[in-house]
Structures are given as C-alpha cells and as structure tokens.
Amino acid sequence: MTQASFRSTRLPALPLGERLASVNADPKAFSDRMAMAVPSLQSYEPIGDSEKFRSKPVAIEIGGLNLVAGANTPVSVSVGAATRCNLLIPFFGTNLTTIGQRQLI
C-alpha cells in the first residue's frame, strides 16, 4: 500500500481529540485488539473493499469511566451476550443495530 492510498481514506475528527489516536489499516489485527477489549465481540469486518479499511480509535478514562471514540470506514460488527453495558452514540454516518428481529436506527 502506498502513502497516497493510505491518505485517500480520510476519517472525521474524534470528539475526544486526535493526540492519542492512531489510524489502523489492518482489519484482522484491529478486530483481534477489539476482541481483547470487548469479550462479547464475535466479528468485526469491513464492508466493501478491505484494502480501504481504516479505523481510528482513542480512549480515555475519567474517574473510572472508560470513554472510547472512534471513526472507521463501514464495518459490520457482531456481538454475543454482553457482560457489561455499552452506549453507542453516532456523531456522523449511519448506525443500524439489530437485536433479534428488532432493528434500531
């Protein structure tokens, strides 16, 4: 992959800042890291051309509360039964969550 193609997929700025963020271009490696942080993760796969996959997360802790902000190219994520609560707030783009037969947009 060339530097030009790497830069061609721009991700929006993160609400927690950019200083600690790093761009990931390997969907399998990123999925493996996500699985360590989210034990209920079953799959995290790019939608479309995996060569164009980019993900840029940043995490901070405030008083014992972990906050994570991320931007990524389109992905499909599947999780099993969760052992803890997660709150997802999309700032840009579209999120479709399916629980059983119910879809939340």
PDB file of N, CA and C in Angstrom:
ATOM      1  N   MET A   1       0.844  -1.169   0.000  1.00  0.00           N
ATOM      2  CA  MET A   1       0.000   0.000   0.000  1.00  0.00           C
ATOM      3  C   MET A   1       0.891   1.235   0.000  1.00  0.00           C
ATOM      4  N   THR A   2       0.563   2.192  -0.818  1.00  0.00           N
ATOM      5  CA  THR A   2       1.356   3.415  -0.894  1.00  0.00           C
ATOM      6  C   THR A   2       0.838   4.443   0.100  1.00  0.00           C
ATOM      7  N   GLN A   3       1.655   5.431   0.412  1.00  0.00           N
ATOM      8  CA  GLN A   3       1.225   6.506   1.292  1.00  0.00           C
ATOM      9  C   GLN A   3       0.022   7.230   0.707  1.00  0.00           C
ATOM     10  N   ALA A   4       0.005   7.411  -0.608  1.00  0.00           N
ATOM     11  CA  ALA A   4      -1.110   8.122  -1.242  1.00  0.00           C
ATOM     12  C   ALA A   4      -2.416   7.386  -1.020  1.00  0.00           C
ATOM     13  N   SER A   5      -2.439   6.058  -1.188  1.00  0.00           N
ATOM     14  CA  SER A   5      -3.690   5.320  -0.996  1.00  0.00           C
ATOM     15  C   SER A   5      -4.072   5.299   0.473  1.00  0.00           C
ATOM     16  N   PHE A   6      -3.087   5.303   1.381  1.00  0.00           N
ATOM     17  CA  PHE A   6      -3.365   5.316   2.807  1.00  0.00           C
ATOM     18  C   PHE A   6      -4.069   6.609   3.191  1.00  0.00           C
ATOM     19  N   ARG A   7      -3.619   7.715   2.635  1.00  0.00           N
ATOM     20  CA  ARG A   7      -4.199   9.015   2.966  1.00  0.00           C
ATOM     21  C   ARG A   7      -5.529   9.263   2.264  1.00  0.00           C
ATOM     22  N   SER A   8      -5.868   8.485   1.267  1.00  0.00           N
ATOM     23  CA  SER A   8      -7.066   8.759   0.488  1.00  0.00           C
ATOM     24  C   SER A   8      -8.347   8.490   1.266  1.00  0.00           C
ATOM     25  N   THR A   9      -8.292   7.694   2.313  1.00  0.00           N
ATOM     26  CA  THR A   9      -9.472   7.404   3.112  1.00  0.00           C
ATOM     27  C   THR A   9      -9.410   8.257   4.370  1.00  0.00           C
ATOM     28  N   ARG A  10     -10.028   9.432   4.315  1.00  0.00           N
ATOM     29  CA  ARG A  10      -9.988  10.361   5.445  1.00  0.00           C
ATOM     30  C   ARG A  10     -11.098  10.025   6.431  1.00  0.00           C
ATOM     31  N   LEU A  11     -10.775  10.079   7.688  1.00  0.00           N
ATOM     32  CA  LEU A  11     -11.742   9.839   8.742  1.00  0.00           C
ATOM     33  C   LEU A  11     -12.011  11.147   9.469  1.00  0.00           C
ATOM     34  N   PRO A  12     -13.232  11.349   9.961  1.00  0.00           N
ATOM     35  CA  PRO A  12     -13.536  12.606  10.641  1.00  0.00           C
ATOM     36  C   PRO A  12     -12.780  12.730  11.966  1.00  0.00           C
ATOM     37  N   ALA A  13     -12.686  13.948  12.453  1.00  0.00           N
ATOM     38  CA  ALA A  13     -12.044  14.221  13.740  1.00  0.00           C
ATOM     39  C   ALA A  13     -12.836  13.550  14.865  1.00  0.00           C
ATOM     40  N   LEU A  14     -12.128  13.163  15.909  1.00  0.00           N
ATOM     41  CA  LEU A  14     -12.753  12.476  17.041  1.00  0.00           C
ATOM     42  C   LEU A  14     -13.132  13.464  18.139  1.00  0.00           C
ATOM     43  N   PRO A  15     -14.276  13.258  18.799  1.00  0.00           N
ATOM     44  CA  PRO A  15     -14.701  14.189  19.847  1.00  0.00           C
ATOM     45  C   PRO A  15     -13.788  14.186  21.078  1.00  0.00           C
ATOM     46  N   LEU A  16     -12.969  13.161  21.272  1.00  0.00           N
ATOM     47  CA  LEU A  16     -12.037  13.117  22.399  1.00  0.00           C
ATOM     48  C   LEU A  16     -10.648  13.623  22.014  1.00  0.00           C
ATOM     49  N   GLY A  17     -10.515  14.107  20.790  1.00  0.00           N
ATOM     50  CA  GLY A  17      -9.233  14.645  20.334  1.00  0.00           C
ATOM     51  C   GLY A  17      -8.450  13.658  19.487  1.00  0.00           C
ATOM     52  N   GLU A  18      -7.431  14.160  18.846  1.00  0.00           N
ATOM     53  CA  GLU A  18      -6.628  13.386  17.903  1.00  0.00           C
ATOM     54  C   GLU A  18      -5.252  13.003  18.441  1.00  0.00           C
ATOM     55  N   ARG A  19      -4.818  13.637  19.547  1.00  0.00           N
ATOM     56  CA  ARG A  19      -3.455  13.453  20.033  1.00  0.00           C
ATOM     57  C   ARG A  19      -3.102  11.997  20.305  1.00  0.00           C
ATOM     58  N   LEU A  20      -4.022  11.212  20.871  1.00  0.00           N
ATOM     59  CA  LEU A  20      -3.747   9.821  21.219  1.00  0.00           C
ATOM     60  C   LEU A  20      -4.254   8.824  20.172  1.00  0.00           C
ATOM     61  N   ALA A  21      -4.868   9.326  19.110  1.00  0.00           N
ATOM     62  CA  ALA A  21      -5.448   8.452  18.093  1.00  0.00           C
ATOM     63  C   ALA A  21      -4.390   7.968  17.112  1.00  0.00           C
ATOM     64  N   SER A  22      -4.587   6.757  16.622  1.00  0.00           N
ATOM     65  CA  SER A  22      -3.742   6.235  15.548  1.00  0.00           C
ATOM     66  C   SER A  22      -4.640   5.519  14.549  1.00  0.00           C
ATOM     67  N   VAL A  23      -4.290   5.615  13.273  1.00  0.00           N
ATOM     68  CA  VAL A  23      -5.096   5.004  12.215  1.00  0.00           C
ATOM     69  C   VAL A  23      -4.636   3.563  11.999  1.00  0.00           C
ATOM     70  N   ASN A  24      -5.601   2.651  11.969  1.00  0.00           N
ATOM     71  CA  ASN A  24      -5.347   1.238  11.716  1.00  0.00           C
ATOM     72  C   ASN A  24      -5.832   0.897  10.320  1.00  0.00           C
ATOM     73  N   ALA A  25      -5.044   0.130   9.574  1.00  0.00           N
ATOM     74  CA  ALA A  25      -5.411  -0.239   8.210  1.00  0.00           C
ATOM     75  C   ALA A  25      -5.572  -1.744   8.041  1.00  0.00           C
ATOM     76  N   ASP A  26      -5.322  -2.538   9.082  1.00  0.00           N
ATOM     77  CA  ASP A  26      -5.413  -3.999   9.008  1.00  0.00           C
ATOM     78  C   ASP A  26      -6.663  -4.456   9.765  1.00  0.00           C
ATOM     79  N   PRO A  27      -7.739  -4.827   9.049  1.00  0.00           N
ATOM     80  CA  PRO A  27      -8.991  -5.175   9.733  1.00  0.00           C
ATOM     81  C   PRO A  27      -8.857  -6.375  10.676  1.00  0.00           C
ATOM     82  N   LYS A  28      -8.068  -7.372  10.322  1.00  0.00           N
ATOM     83  CA  LYS A  28      -7.911  -8.554  11.180  1.00  0.00           C
ATOM     84  C   LYS A  28      -7.187  -8.191  12.472  1.00  0.00           C
ATOM     85  N   ALA A  29      -6.094  -7.450  12.370  1.00  0.00           N
ATOM     86  CA  ALA A  29      -5.349  -7.040  13.562  1.00  0.00           C
ATOM     87  C   ALA A  29      -6.215  -6.152  14.452  1.00  0.00           C
ATOM     88  N   PHE A  30      -6.979  -5.250  13.854  1.00  0.00           N
ATOM     89  CA  PHE A  30      -7.831  -4.373  14.651  1.00  0.00           C
ATOM     90  C   PHE A  30      -8.942  -5.179  15.320  1.00  0.00           C
ATOM     91  N   SER A  31      -9.516  -6.123  14.604  1.00  0.00           N
ATOM     92  CA  SER A  31     -10.548  -6.991  15.173  1.00  0.00           C
ATOM     93  C   SER A  31     -10.003  -7.768  16.368  1.00  0.00           C
ATOM     94  N   ASP A  32      -8.789  -8.270  16.262  1.00  0.00           N
ATOM     95  CA  ASP A  32      -8.172  -9.003  17.372  1.00  0.00           C
ATOM     96  C   ASP A  32      -8.001  -8.103  18.597  1.00  0.00           C
ATOM     97  N   ARG A  33      -7.587  -6.852  18.386  1.00  0.00           N
ATOM     98  CA  ARG A  33      -7.437  -5.910  19.504  1.00  0.00           C
ATOM     99  C   ARG A  33      -8.799  -5.574  20.110  1.00  0.00           C
ATOM    100  N   MET A  34      -9.799  -5.405  19.254  1.00  0.00           N
ATOM    101  CA  MET A  34     -11.147  -5.120  19.739  1.00  0.00           C
ATOM    102  C   MET A  34     -11.679  -6.277  20.584  1.00  0.00           C
ATOM    103  N   ALA A  35     -11.400  -7.512  20.172  1.00  0.00           N
ATOM    104  CA  ALA A  35     -11.882  -8.683  20.908  1.00  0.00           C
ATOM    105  C   ALA A  35     -11.293  -8.741  22.318  1.00  0.00           C
ATOM    106  N   MET A  36     -10.091  -8.245  22.496  1.00  0.00           N
ATOM    107  CA  MET A  36      -9.498  -8.209  23.837  1.00  0.00           C
ATOM    108  C   MET A  36     -10.226  -7.195  24.719  1.00  0.00           C
ATOM    109  N   ALA A  37     -10.675  -6.091  24.142  1.00  0.00           N
ATOM    110  CA  ALA A  37     -11.368  -5.047  24.894  1.00  0.00           C
ATOM    111  C   ALA A  37     -12.860  -5.341  25.068  1.00  0.00           C
ATOM    112  N   VAL A  38     -13.444  -6.050  24.096  1.00  0.00           N
ATOM    113  CA  VAL A  38     -14.877  -6.362  24.113  1.00  0.00           C
ATOM    114  C   VAL A  38     -15.023  -7.880  24.020  1.00  0.00           C
ATOM    115  N   PRO A  39     -15.071  -8.572  25.171  1.00  0.00           N
ATOM    116  CA  PRO A  39     -15.103 -10.036  25.165  1.00  0.00           C
ATOM    117  C   PRO A  39     -16.273 -10.650  24.399  1.00  0.00           C
ATOM    118  N   SER A  40     -17.380  -9.915  24.264  1.00  0.00           N
ATOM    119  CA  SER A  40     -18.548 -10.455  23.576  1.00  0.00           C
ATOM    120  C   SER A  40     -18.468 -10.278  22.051  1.00  0.00           C
ATOM    121  N   LEU A  41     -17.392  -9.653  21.551  1.00  0.00           N
ATOM    122  CA  LEU A  41     -17.245  -9.444  20.112  1.00  0.00           C
ATOM    123  C   LEU A  41     -17.121 -10.772  19.379  1.00  0.00           C
ATOM    124  N   GLN A  42     -17.967 -10.978  18.387  1.00  0.00           N
ATOM    125  CA  GLN A  42     -17.908 -12.198  17.579  1.00  0.00           C
ATOM    126  C   GLN A  42     -17.293 -11.946  16.217  1.00  0.00           C
ATOM    127  N   SER A  43     -17.539 -10.769  15.645  1.00  0.00           N
ATOM    128  CA  SER A  43     -16.908 -10.422  14.370  1.00  0.00           C
ATOM    129  C   SER A  43     -16.870  -8.907  14.209  1.00  0.00           C
ATOM    130  N   TYR A  44     -15.846  -8.462  13.507  1.00  0.00           N
ATOM    131  CA  TYR A  44     -15.648  -7.049  13.183  1.00  0.00           C
ATOM    132  C   TYR A  44     -15.019  -7.054  11.805  1.00  0.00           C
ATOM    133  N   GLU A  45     -15.824  -6.812  10.776  1.00  0.00           N
ATOM    134  CA  GLU A  45     -15.350  -6.958   9.403  1.00  0.00           C
ATOM    135  C   GLU A  45     -15.692  -5.739   8.563  1.00  0.00           C
ATOM    136  N   PRO A  46     -14.777  -5.349   7.688  1.00  0.00           N
ATOM    137  CA  PRO A  46     -15.070  -4.219   6.800  1.00  0.00           C
ATOM    138  C   PRO A  46     -16.170  -4.577   5.805  1.00  0.00           C
ATOM    139  N   ILE A  47     -16.952  -3.580   5.464  1.00  0.00           N
ATOM    140  CA  ILE A  47     -17.948  -3.731   4.404  1.00  0.00           C
ATOM    141  C   ILE A  47     -17.310  -3.166   3.147  1.00  0.00           C
ATOM    142  N   GLY A  48     -17.307  -3.925   2.082  1.00  0.00           N
ATOM    143  CA  GLY A  48     -16.673  -3.466   0.852  1.00  0.00           C
ATOM    144  C   GLY A  48     -15.221  -3.901   0.785  1.00  0.00           C
ATOM    145  N   ASP A  49     -14.420  -3.115   0.104  1.00  0.00           N
ATOM    146  CA  ASP A  49     -13.017  -3.425  -0.141  1.00  0.00           C
ATOM    147  C   ASP A  49     -12.210  -3.344   1.150  1.00  0.00           C
ATOM    148  N   SER A  50     -11.690  -4.479   1.629  1.00  0.00           N
ATOM    149  CA  SER A  50     -10.931  -4.487   2.881  1.00  0.00           C
ATOM    150  C   SER A  50      -9.620  -3.714   2.768  1.00  0.00           C
ATOM    151  N   GLU A  51      -9.144  -3.487   1.541  1.00  0.00           N
ATOM    152  CA  GLU A  51      -7.923  -2.683   1.341  1.00  0.00           C
ATOM    153  C   GLU A  51      -8.161  -1.221   1.711  1.00  0.00           C
ATOM    154  N   LYS A  52      -9.414  -0.792   1.703  1.00  0.00           N
ATOM    155  CA  LYS A  52      -9.740   0.592   2.032  1.00  0.00           C
ATOM    156  C   LYS A  52     -10.134   0.760   3.500  1.00  0.00           C
ATOM    157  N   PHE A  53     -10.076  -0.322   4.278  1.00  0.00           N
ATOM    158  CA  PHE A  53     -10.442  -0.261   5.697  1.00  0.00           C
ATOM    159  C   PHE A  53      -9.535   0.698   6.461  1.00  0.00           C
ATOM    160  N   ARG A  54     -10.139   1.545   7.284  1.00  0.00           N
ATOM    161  CA  ARG A  54      -9.418   2.409   8.201  1.00  0.00           C
ATOM    162  C   ARG A  54     -10.238   2.516   9.476  1.00  0.00           C
ATOM    163  N   SER A  55      -9.569   2.509  10.595  1.00  0.00           N
ATOM    164  CA  SER A  55     -10.214   2.716  11.879  1.00  0.00           C
ATOM    165  C   SER A  55      -9.294   3.569  12.738  1.00  0.00           C
ATOM    166  N   LYS A  56      -9.883   4.524  13.440  1.00  0.00           N
ATOM    167  CA  LYS A  56      -9.101   5.451  14.257  1.00  0.00           C
ATOM    168  C   LYS A  56      -9.785   5.584  15.617  1.00  0.00           C
ATOM    169  N   PRO A  57      -9.332   4.801  16.609  1.00  0.00           N
ATOM    170  CA  PRO A  57      -9.913   4.920  17.946  1.00  0.00           C
ATOM    171  C   PRO A  57      -9.042   5.744  18.891  1.00  0.00           C
ATOM    172  N   VAL A  58      -9.670   6.268  19.923  1.00  0.00           N
ATOM    173  CA  VAL A  58      -8.959   6.903  21.030  1.00  0.00           C
ATOM    174  C   VAL A  58      -9.770   6.605  22.293  1.00  0.00           C
ATOM    175  N   ALA A  59      -9.088   6.333  23.385  1.00  0.00           N
ATOM    176  CA  ALA A  59      -9.757   6.017  24.649  1.00  0.00           C
ATOM    177  C   ALA A  59      -9.164   6.853  25.771  1.00  0.00           C
ATOM    178  N   ILE A  60     -10.038   7.267  26.692  1.00  0.00           N
ATOM    179  CA  ILE A  60      -9.588   7.975  27.885  1.00  0.00           C
ATOM    180  C   ILE A  60     -10.375   7.418  29.074  1.00  0.00           C
ATOM    181  N   GLU A  61      -9.835   7.596  30.254  1.00  0.00           N
ATOM    182  CA  GLU A  61     -10.531   7.192  31.469  1.00  0.00           C
ATOM    183  C   GLU A  61     -10.717   8.421  32.348  1.00  0.00           C
ATOM    184  N   ILE A  62     -11.960   8.604  32.807  1.00  0.00           N
ATOM    185  CA  ILE A  62     -12.287   9.726  33.676  1.00  0.00           C
ATOM    186  C   ILE A  62     -13.003   9.151  34.896  1.00  0.00           C
ATOM    187  N   GLY A  63     -12.361   9.203  36.027  1.00  0.00           N
ATOM    188  CA  GLY A  63     -12.984   8.732  37.269  1.00  0.00           C
ATOM    189  C   GLY A  63     -13.477   7.297  37.205  1.00  0.00           C
ATOM    190  N   GLY A  64     -12.736   6.415  36.578  1.00  0.00           N
ATOM    191  CA  GLY A  64     -13.132   5.016  36.475  1.00  0.00           C
ATOM    192  C   GLY A  64     -14.058   4.706  35.306  1.00  0.00           C
ATOM    193  N   LEU A  65     -14.495   5.724  34.572  1.00  0.00           N
ATOM    194  CA  LEU A  65     -15.355   5.525  33.406  1.00  0.00           C
ATOM    195  C   LEU A  65     -14.487   5.548  32.155  1.00  0.00           C
ATOM    196  N   ASN A  66     -14.544   4.503  31.371  1.00  0.00           N
ATOM    197  CA  ASN A  66     -13.788   4.437  30.118  1.00  0.00           C
ATOM    198  C   ASN A  66     -14.633   5.001  28.993  1.00  0.00           C
ATOM    199  N   LEU A  67     -14.083   5.989  28.302  1.00  0.00           N
ATOM    200  CA  LEU A  67     -14.742   6.573  27.143  1.00  0.00           C
ATOM    201  C   LEU A  67     -13.907   6.269  25.914  1.00  0.00           C
ATOM    202  N   VAL A  68     -14.566   5.786  24.876  1.00  0.00           N
ATOM    203  CA  VAL A  68     -13.885   5.456  23.628  1.00  0.00           C
ATOM    204  C   VAL A  68     -14.600   6.181  22.504  1.00  0.00           C
ATOM    205  N   ALA A  69     -13.841   6.849  21.671  1.00  0.00           N
ATOM    206  CA  ALA A  69     -14.384   7.487  20.467  1.00  0.00           C
ATOM    207  C   ALA A  69     -13.647   6.865  19.286  1.00  0.00           C
ATOM    208  N   GLY A  70     -14.363   6.644  18.220  1.00  0.00           N
ATOM    209  CA  GLY A  70     -13.734   6.060  17.050  1.00  0.00           C
ATOM    210  C   GLY A  70     -14.400   6.502  15.774  1.00  0.00           C
ATOM    211  N   ALA A  71     -13.632   6.453  14.732  1.00  0.00           N
ATOM    212  CA  ALA A  71     -14.141   6.700  13.385  1.00  0.00           C
ATOM    213  C   ALA A  71     -13.616   5.567  12.524  1.00  0.00           C
ATOM    214  N   ASN A  72     -14.430   5.071  11.638  1.00  0.00           N
ATOM    215  CA  ASN A  72     -13.984   3.990  10.765  1.00  0.00           C
ATOM    216  C   ASN A  72     -14.749   3.993   9.459  1.00  0.00           C
ATOM    217  N   THR A  73     -14.144   3.349   8.482  1.00  0.00           N
ATOM    218  CA  THR A  73     -14.854   3.101   7.234  1.00  0.00           C
ATOM    219  C   THR A  73     -15.963   2.102   7.568  1.00  0.00           C
ATOM    220  N   PRO A  74     -16.923   1.864   6.686  1.00  0.00           N
ATOM    221  CA  PRO A  74     -18.051   0.984   7.012  1.00  0.00           C
ATOM    222  C   PRO A  74     -17.614  -0.412   7.467  1.00  0.00           C
ATOM    223  N   VAL A  75     -18.211  -0.863   8.577  1.00  0.00           N
ATOM    224  CA  VAL A  75     -17.927  -2.183   9.139  1.00  0.00           C
ATOM    225  C   VAL A  75     -19.219  -2.861   9.560  1.00  0.00           C
ATOM    226  N   SER A  76     -19.144  -4.165   9.663  1.00  0.00           N
ATOM    227  CA  SER A  76     -20.211  -4.980  10.224  1.00  0.00           C
ATOM    228  C   SER A  76     -19.659  -5.584  11.505  1.00  0.00           C
ATOM    229  N   VAL A  77     -20.366  -5.383  12.600  1.00  0.00           N
ATOM    230  CA  VAL A  77     -19.915  -5.867  13.903  1.00  0.00           C
ATOM    231  C   VAL A  77     -20.997  -6.773  14.470  1.00  0.00           C
ATOM    232  N   SER A  78     -20.566  -7.897  15.022  1.00  0.00           N
ATOM    233  CA  SER A  78     -21.495  -8.823  15.658  1.00  0.00           C
ATOM    234  C   SER A  78     -20.986  -9.121  17.064  1.00  0.00           C
ATOM    235  N   VAL A  79     -21.892  -9.037  18.040  1.00  0.00           N
ATOM    236  CA  VAL A  79     -21.538  -9.352  19.418  1.00  0.00           C
ATOM    237  C   VAL A  79     -22.524 -10.363  19.982  1.00  0.00           C
ATOM    238  N   GLY A  80     -22.061 -11.121  20.952  1.00  0.00           N
ATOM    239  CA  GLY A  80     -22.917 -12.063  21.666  1.00  0.00           C
ATOM    240  C   GLY A  80     -23.454 -11.403  22.921  1.00  0.00           C
ATOM    241  N   ALA A  81     -23.826 -12.233  23.886  1.00  0.00           N
ATOM    242  CA  ALA A  81     -24.335 -11.726  25.154  1.00  0.00           C
ATOM    243  C   ALA A  81     -23.249 -10.903  25.840  1.00  0.00           C
ATOM    244  N   ALA A  82     -23.582  -9.674  26.178  1.00  0.00           N
ATOM    245  CA  ALA A  82     -22.607  -8.765  26.778  1.00  0.00           C
ATOM    246  C   ALA A  82     -22.571  -8.934  28.291  1.00  0.00           C
ATOM    247  N   THR A  83     -21.372  -8.803  28.842  1.00  0.00           N
ATOM    248  CA  THR A  83     -21.194  -8.883  30.284  1.00  0.00           C
ATOM    249  C   THR A  83     -21.184  -7.498  30.928  1.00  0.00           C
ATOM    250  N   ARG A  84     -21.183  -6.462  30.090  1.00  0.00           N
ATOM    251  CA  ARG A  84     -21.218  -5.098  30.604  1.00  0.00           C
ATOM    252  C   ARG A  84     -21.982  -4.223  29.615  1.00  0.00           C
ATOM    253  N   CYS A  85     -22.389  -3.057  30.072  1.00  0.00           N
ATOM    254  CA  CYS A  85     -23.165  -2.145  29.224  1.00  0.00           C
ATOM    255  C   CYS A  85     -22.245  -1.305  28.356  1.00  0.00           C
ATOM    256  N   ASN A  86     -22.697  -1.055  27.148  1.00  0.00           N
ATOM    257  CA  ASN A  86     -22.016  -0.168  26.213  1.00  0.00           C
ATOM    258  C   ASN A  86     -23.055   0.790  25.656  1.00  0.00           C
ATOM    259  N   LEU A  87     -22.667   2.030  25.484  1.00  0.00           N
ATOM    260  CA  LEU A  87     -23.542   3.039  24.906  1.00  0.00           C
ATOM    261  C   LEU A  87     -22.876   3.545  23.635  1.00  0.00           C
ATOM    262  N   LEU A  88     -23.567   3.428  22.522  1.00  0.00           N
ATOM    263  CA  LEU A  88     -23.038   3.867  21.232  1.00  0.00           C
ATOM    264  C   LEU A  88     -23.808   5.105  20.791  1.00  0.00           C
ATOM    265  N   ILE A  89     -23.067   6.191  20.567  1.00  0.00           N
ATOM    266  CA  ILE A  89     -23.676   7.442  20.114  1.00  0.00           C
ATOM    267  C   ILE A  89     -23.023   7.834  18.796  1.00  0.00           C
ATOM    268  N   PRO A  90     -23.699   7.623  17.664  1.00  0.00           N
ATOM    269  CA  PRO A  90     -23.106   8.029  16.382  1.00  0.00           C
ATOM    270  C   PRO A  90     -23.173   9.548  16.219  1.00  0.00           C
ATOM    271  N   PHE A  91     -22.037  10.138  15.839  1.00  0.00           N
ATOM    272  CA  PHE A  91     -21.974  11.570  15.567  1.00  0.00           C
ATOM    273  C   PHE A  91     -22.038  11.847  14.074  1.00  0.00           C
ATOM    274  N   PHE A  92     -21.659  10.856  13.266  1.00  0.00           N
ATOM    275  CA  PHE A  92     -21.557  11.045  11.827  1.00  0.00           C
ATOM    276  C   PHE A  92     -21.825   9.698  11.177  1.00  0.00           C
ATOM    277  N   GLY A  93     -22.524   9.675  10.078  1.00  0.00           N
ATOM    278  CA  GLY A  93     -22.792   8.424   9.389  1.00  0.00           C
ATOM    279  C   GLY A  93     -24.049   7.759   9.905  1.00  0.00           C
ATOM    280  N   THR A  94     -24.167   6.481   9.644  1.00  0.00           N
ATOM    281  CA  THR A  94     -25.365   5.730   9.981  1.00  0.00           C
ATOM    282  C   THR A  94     -25.000   4.517  10.813  1.00  0.00           C
ATOM    283  N   ASN A  95     -25.830   4.208  11.786  1.00  0.00           N
ATOM    284  CA  ASN A  95     -25.654   3.020  12.595  1.00  0.00           C
ATOM    285  C   ASN A  95     -26.963   2.239  12.574  1.00  0.00           C
ATOM    286  N   LEU A  96     -26.889   0.968  12.285  1.00  0.00           N
ATOM    287  CA  LEU A  96     -28.053   0.092  12.334  1.00  0.00           C
ATOM    288  C   LEU A  96     -27.724  -1.031  13.299  1.00  0.00           C
ATOM    289  N   THR A  97     -28.472  -1.110  14.398  1.00  0.00           N
ATOM    290  CA  THR A  97     -28.277  -2.148  15.389  1.00  0.00           C
ATOM    291  C   THR A  97     -29.432  -3.115  15.298  1.00  0.00           C
ATOM    292  N   THR A  98     -29.137  -4.413  15.218  1.00  0.00           N
ATOM    293  CA  THR A  98     -30.177  -5.444  15.176  1.00  0.00           C
ATOM    294  C   THR A  98     -30.061  -6.308  16.425  1.00  0.00           C
ATOM    295  N   ILE A  99     -31.156  -6.404  17.170  1.00  0.00           N
ATOM    296  CA  ILE A  99     -31.230  -7.263  18.352  1.00  0.00           C
ATOM    297  C   ILE A  99     -32.360  -8.238  18.091  1.00  0.00           C
ATOM    298  N   GLY A 100     -32.013  -9.518  17.872  1.00  0.00           N
ATOM    299  CA  GLY A 100     -33.028 -10.488  17.482  1.00  0.00           C
ATOM    300  C   GLY A 100     -33.613 -10.082  16.143  1.00  0.00           C
ATOM    301  N   GLN A 101     -34.923  -9.872  16.101  1.00  0.00           N
ATOM    302  CA  GLN A 101     -35.589  -9.422  14.883  1.00  0.00           C
ATOM    303  C   GLN A 101     -35.821  -7.917  14.869  1.00  0.00           C
ATOM    304  N   ARG A 102     -35.432  -7.241  15.932  1.00  0.00           N
ATOM    305  CA  ARG A 102     -35.687  -5.803  16.086  1.00  0.00           C
ATOM    306  C   ARG A 102     -34.499  -4.980  15.591  1.00  0.00           C
ATOM    307  N   GLN A 103     -34.778  -3.972  14.782  1.00  0.00           N
ATOM    308  CA  GLN A 103     -33.725  -3.100  14.273  1.00  0.00           C
ATOM    309  C   GLN A 103     -33.871  -1.708  14.881  1.00  0.00           C
ATOM    310  N   LEU A 104     -32.742  -1.188  15.367  1.00  0.00           N
ATOM    311  CA  LEU A 104     -32.711   0.161  15.933  1.00  0.00           C
ATOM    312  C   LEU A 104     -31.832   1.016  15.043  1.00  0.00           C
ATOM    313  N   ILE A 105     -32.340   2.157  14.605  1.00  0.00           N
ATOM    314  CA  ILE A 105     -31.572   3.021  13.712  1.00  0.00           C
ATOM    315  C   ILE A 105     -31.210   4.296  14.451  1.00  0.00           C
TER     316      ILE A 105
END
